[in-house]
Protein backbone atom coordinates (compact mmCIF):
# COMPACT_ATOMS: atom_id res chain seq x y z
CA MET A 1 -7.92 1.68 -12.90
CA ASN A 2 -5.46 3.40 -12.93
CA VAL A 3 -2.58 3.85 -10.30
CA GLN A 4 -0.76 6.40 -9.46
CA ILE A 5 3.15 5.88 -7.56
CA ILE A 6 3.25 8.58 -4.69
CA GLY A 7 6.67 6.77 -3.21
CA ASP A 8 8.75 4.54 -5.47
CA GLY A 9 11.74 4.01 -1.80
CA ASN A 10 11.97 2.89 1.88
CA ILE A 11 12.97 4.49 4.58
CA THR A 12 16.55 4.97 4.33
CA ASN A 13 17.23 6.73 0.51
CA LYS A 14 15.94 9.80 -0.57
CA ASN A 15 13.21 8.81 -2.65
CA PHE A 16 9.66 9.07 -0.78
CA ASN A 17 8.57 5.88 1.11
CA ALA A 18 6.22 3.91 -0.76
CA SER A 19 2.46 4.38 -1.08
CA PHE A 20 0.26 4.35 -4.00
CA LEU A 21 -3.29 5.97 -5.30
CA ILE A 22 -5.89 3.73 -6.71
CA ASN A 23 -8.27 4.99 -9.19
CA ASN A 24 -7.80 8.23 -7.02
CA ASN A 25 -9.55 6.96 -4.19
CA ILE A 26 -7.63 4.04 -2.26
CA LEU A 27 -4.59 4.78 -0.46
CA VAL A 28 -2.40 2.03 -0.67
CA ASP A 29 -0.24 2.25 2.67
CA SER A 30 0.38 6.19 4.77
CA PRO A 31 4.41 6.15 4.94
CA PRO A 32 5.89 9.60 7.38
CA GLY A 33 5.42 12.45 5.56
CA VAL A 34 2.67 11.24 2.71
CA LEU A 35 -0.23 13.80 3.98
CA LYS A 36 2.40 15.98 2.87
CA LYS A 37 3.71 14.67 -0.35
CA LEU A 38 -0.37 13.97 -1.61
CA LYS A 39 -0.77 17.55 -1.16
CA SER A 40 2.13 18.13 -2.50
CA LEU A 41 1.24 16.04 -6.18
CA ASP A 42 -2.45 17.69 -6.02
CA VAL A 43 -4.09 14.73 -5.08
CA ASN A 44 -7.73 15.90 -3.29
CA ILE A 45 -7.54 13.90 -0.24
CA ASP A 46 -11.29 14.21 0.50
CA ASN A 47 -11.85 11.83 -2.60
CA ILE A 48 -9.86 9.19 -0.79
CA THR A 49 -12.47 6.36 0.59
CA ILE A 50 -10.01 3.35 1.36
CA ILE A 51 -6.38 3.02 3.15
CA ILE A 52 -5.38 0.12 3.02
CA ILE A 53 -2.19 -0.41 5.88
CA THR A 54 -0.40 -3.70 4.26
CA HIS A 55 1.44 -4.59 7.87
CA LEU A 56 2.66 -2.49 11.02
CA HIS A 57 6.08 -1.80 10.09
CA GLY A 58 6.38 2.18 11.03
CA ASP A 59 7.65 3.31 7.74
CA HIS A 60 3.93 2.18 6.29
CA PHE A 61 1.89 3.88 8.94
CA PHE A 62 2.56 6.03 10.69
CA ASP A 63 1.30 8.63 9.16
CA LEU A 64 -3.08 8.24 9.78
CA PRO A 65 -2.89 9.98 12.66
CA PHE A 66 -2.75 13.55 10.37
CA ILE A 67 -4.71 11.78 7.90
CA ILE A 68 -7.01 11.88 10.82
CA LEU A 69 -6.28 15.27 12.22
CA HIS A 70 -7.07 16.49 8.69
CA GLU A 71 -9.84 14.58 8.17
CA TYR A 72 -11.39 16.38 11.20
CA SER A 73 -10.17 19.45 10.81
CA LYS A 74 -12.25 19.58 7.58
CA LYS A 75 -15.06 17.65 8.80
CA ARG A 76 -15.29 15.40 7.13
CA THR A 77 -18.63 13.66 6.64
CA LYS A 78 -18.34 10.65 4.30
CA PRO A 79 -17.41 6.55 5.67
CA LEU A 80 -13.63 6.25 5.14
CA PHE A 81 -13.16 2.27 5.06
CA ILE A 82 -9.16 2.06 6.75
CA ILE A 83 -8.11 -1.86 6.28
CA GLY A 84 -4.72 -3.18 7.65
CA PRO A 85 -4.39 -6.31 10.18
CA LYS A 86 -6.46 -6.76 13.46
CA GLU A 87 -3.98 -4.65 15.35
CA LEU A 88 -4.17 -1.61 13.35
CA LYS A 89 -7.02 -0.02 15.17
CA LYS A 90 -5.37 -0.52 19.01
CA ASP A 91 -1.76 0.51 16.91
CA LEU A 92 -3.01 3.87 15.15
CA SER A 93 -4.56 4.71 18.89
CA LYS A 94 -1.48 5.00 20.24
CA LEU A 95 -0.07 6.50 17.42
CA ILE A 96 -2.78 9.09 18.30
CA LYS A 97 -2.45 9.45 21.94
CA LEU A 98 1.03 10.28 21.22
CA ALA A 99 0.50 12.33 18.65
CA PHE A 100 -2.42 15.18 20.17
CA LYS A 101 -2.69 13.22 23.87
CA ASN A 102 -6.55 13.36 25.42
CA ARG A 103 -7.75 14.23 21.52
CA LEU A 104 -8.05 10.84 20.50
CA ASN A 105 -11.68 10.92 21.44
CA LYS A 106 -12.55 13.78 20.37
CA TYR A 107 -10.98 12.72 16.66
CA LEU A 108 -12.17 9.65 16.39
CA SER A 109 -15.66 9.84 17.67
CA LYS A 110 -16.55 12.90 14.72
CA LEU A 111 -14.93 11.12 11.57
CA ASN A 112 -17.10 7.64 10.32
CA ILE A 113 -14.08 5.66 10.43
CA THR A 114 -14.64 2.30 10.20
CA PHE A 115 -11.73 -0.24 11.06
CA ILE A 116 -11.96 -4.12 8.52
CA ASP A 117 -9.50 -6.43 9.47
CA SER A 118 -7.13 -6.93 6.05
CA ALA A 119 -7.78 -11.01 6.81
CA ASN A 120 -11.71 -10.70 6.78
CA ILE A 121 -11.61 -9.54 3.03
CA GLN A 122 -12.53 -11.94 0.38
CA ASN A 123 -13.61 -10.54 -2.94
CA HIS A 124 -14.80 -7.58 -1.13
CA GLU A 125 -16.51 -5.32 -3.32
CA VAL A 126 -14.38 -1.68 -3.25
CA GLU A 127 -16.17 0.38 -5.82
CA GLU A 128 -19.13 -1.25 -8.85
CA GLY A 129 -17.37 -4.08 -10.26
CA VAL A 130 -13.97 -4.16 -8.14
CA PHE A 131 -12.92 -6.41 -5.90
CA LEU A 132 -10.75 -6.81 -3.63
CA SER A 133 -8.88 -10.27 -1.69
CA SER A 134 -6.41 -10.60 0.53
CA VAL A 135 -3.49 -13.26 1.07
CA ARG A 136 -0.91 -13.23 3.45
CA VAL A 137 2.48 -13.28 2.50
CA ASN A 138 5.85 -13.05 4.78
CA HIS A 139 7.74 -10.85 6.10
CA GLY A 140 9.97 -12.00 9.25
CA ASN A 141 8.89 -12.78 11.56
CA LEU A 142 5.96 -9.94 11.96
CA LYS A 143 2.20 -11.20 12.08
CA ASN A 144 -0.59 -10.49 9.49
CA CYS A 145 1.15 -9.10 6.82
CA TYR A 146 -1.12 -8.88 3.76
CA GLY A 147 -0.83 -8.67 -0.34
CA PHE A 148 -3.78 -7.64 -2.14
CA LEU A 149 -5.80 -8.64 -5.10
CA LEU A 150 -7.70 -6.36 -7.08
CA LYS A 151 -10.07 -7.63 -10.18
CA LYS A 152 -11.97 -5.46 -12.38
CA ASP A 153 -13.83 -7.29 -15.88
CA ASN A 154 -11.16 -8.94 -17.08
CA LYS A 155 -8.16 -7.20 -15.69
CA SER A 156 -5.80 -7.97 -12.45
CA LEU A 157 -4.17 -5.71 -10.06
CA SER A 158 -1.64 -7.38 -7.14
CA PHE A 159 -0.19 -5.76 -4.44
CA THR A 160 2.68 -7.72 -2.55
CA GLY A 161 3.47 -5.06 0.67
CA ASP A 162 6.51 -5.76 1.89
CA THR A 163 7.27 -9.48 1.26
CA GLU A 164 10.21 -12.34 0.87
CA MET A 165 9.23 -15.47 -1.24
CA CYS A 166 6.36 -17.02 -0.11
CA PRO A 167 3.58 -19.32 -1.10
CA GLY A 168 1.57 -16.24 -1.03
CA LEU A 169 3.70 -14.23 -3.21
CA THR A 170 2.88 -16.98 -5.95
CA TYR A 171 -0.28 -17.20 -5.80
CA LEU A 172 -0.66 -13.21 -6.83
CA LEU A 173 1.04 -13.66 -9.29
CA LYS A 174 -0.35 -16.45 -10.54
CA ARG A 175 -4.06 -13.99 -10.92
CA SER A 176 -3.10 -11.06 -11.87
CA SER A 177 -1.66 -8.51 -14.77
CA HIS A 178 0.03 -6.37 -13.08
CA CYS A 179 1.95 -6.26 -9.96
CA ILE A 180 3.26 -3.60 -7.41
CA ILE A 181 6.36 -5.71 -6.09
CA ASP A 182 8.87 -5.07 -3.45
CA VAL A 183 12.15 -5.17 -4.23
CA ASN A 184 13.92 -3.99 -0.90
CA ASN A 185 16.83 -6.32 -1.77
CA SER A 186 17.72 -6.68 1.25
CA GLY A 187 17.05 -9.28 4.96
CA ASN A 188 13.06 -10.01 4.87
CA HIS A 189 12.48 -8.89 1.76
CA LEU A 190 12.69 -9.93 -2.22
CA LYS A 191 15.74 -10.38 -3.83
CA LEU A 192 16.77 -9.33 -7.05
CA GLU A 193 17.88 -12.67 -8.24
CA GLN A 194 14.49 -13.90 -6.64
CA LEU A 195 12.64 -11.30 -8.84
CA GLU A 196 14.42 -12.39 -12.51
CA ASN A 197 13.92 -16.05 -11.53
CA LEU A 198 9.69 -14.12 -10.97
CA ILE A 199 10.27 -13.08 -14.04
CA LYS A 200 10.73 -16.21 -15.97
CA GLU A 201 8.29 -19.01 -13.99
CA PHE A 202 5.62 -15.74 -14.16
CA PRO A 203 5.76 -13.78 -17.06
CA ILE A 204 3.63 -10.07 -16.27
CA ASN A 205 4.07 -6.50 -15.90
CA TYR A 206 5.24 -5.86 -12.70
CA ILE A 207 6.61 -2.34 -11.21
CA PRO A 208 8.96 -2.96 -8.62
CA ILE A 209 8.35 -0.71 -5.26
CA HIS A 210 10.54 -0.14 -1.96
CA TYR A 211 13.20 -0.30 -4.12
CA PRO A 212 16.82 1.03 -3.41
CA GLU A 213 18.19 3.44 -5.88
CA ASN A 214 21.91 1.40 -6.28
CA LEU A 215 19.09 -1.24 -8.15
CA GLU A 216 17.90 0.76 -10.26
CA ASN A 217 19.84 0.76 -12.78
CA LYS A 218 19.61 -2.69 -12.68
CA LEU A 219 15.52 -2.48 -12.57
CA SER A 220 15.41 -0.76 -15.78
CA GLY A 221 17.66 -3.75 -17.25
CA LEU A 222 15.21 -6.40 -16.91
CA SER A 223 11.89 -7.65 -19.50
CA ASN A 224 8.75 -6.92 -17.83
CA ILE A 225 9.55 -4.01 -15.63
CA LYS A 226 7.93 -0.96 -15.25
CA LEU A 227 10.03 1.34 -13.44
CA ILE A 228 7.39 4.26 -12.51
CA LYS A 229 8.51 7.72 -10.56
CA SER A 230 6.73 9.67 -7.66
CA GLY A 231 3.38 10.89 -9.20
CA GLU A 232 3.63 9.15 -12.38
CA GLN A 233 0.55 6.94 -13.51
CA PHE A 234 -0.17 3.95 -15.12
CA TYR A 235 -3.18 2.51 -16.58
CA LEU A 236 -4.54 -1.73 -17.03
């Protein structure tokens, strides 16, 4: 598996918002501006077959209407699967109405889009030999937030979405060799001290994401941490 980091930052800093691409065809989260960012990285958006939305905060899914517009303008015919919380389709419809007024049905009806509730993703084969499972995580009072576990042969990649310390997070860490992990270090997110303790308990490979700029030097000094910037890739 290969992973390209599209953004490692959060909505308030200069680094692009947390988003990444797996095997060139699975996009995880669509923060504002991700369509432009993908184009700037020469990513062929038409090759994306699955979009995973970890939770319904605007900095993780507000660019979905523009991805849909892009694919509509390209007369896309191949299927697009969008995995996310059960409320995603309804919330996306509201966004598209705001963005494009009465064109909602025109855009959605012309594309072969299937919405899948994250809760139903358990050992789901997303491509040959690659299996995806969802795990609920805690992120404040927001319902239906998910992390995911992706497995291929003896390799396993987890990604937490926005999370705080919770059973879902430790479940993912126990079962993965690599984890793309939220370390926003504030509010309803994982804190740096908590990450340090997790590294001791689960000494796997960690790729921090969604972190503030002032945390970068501290993160780079930790064991088992690899900082990967926008546009860069890693393999497992």
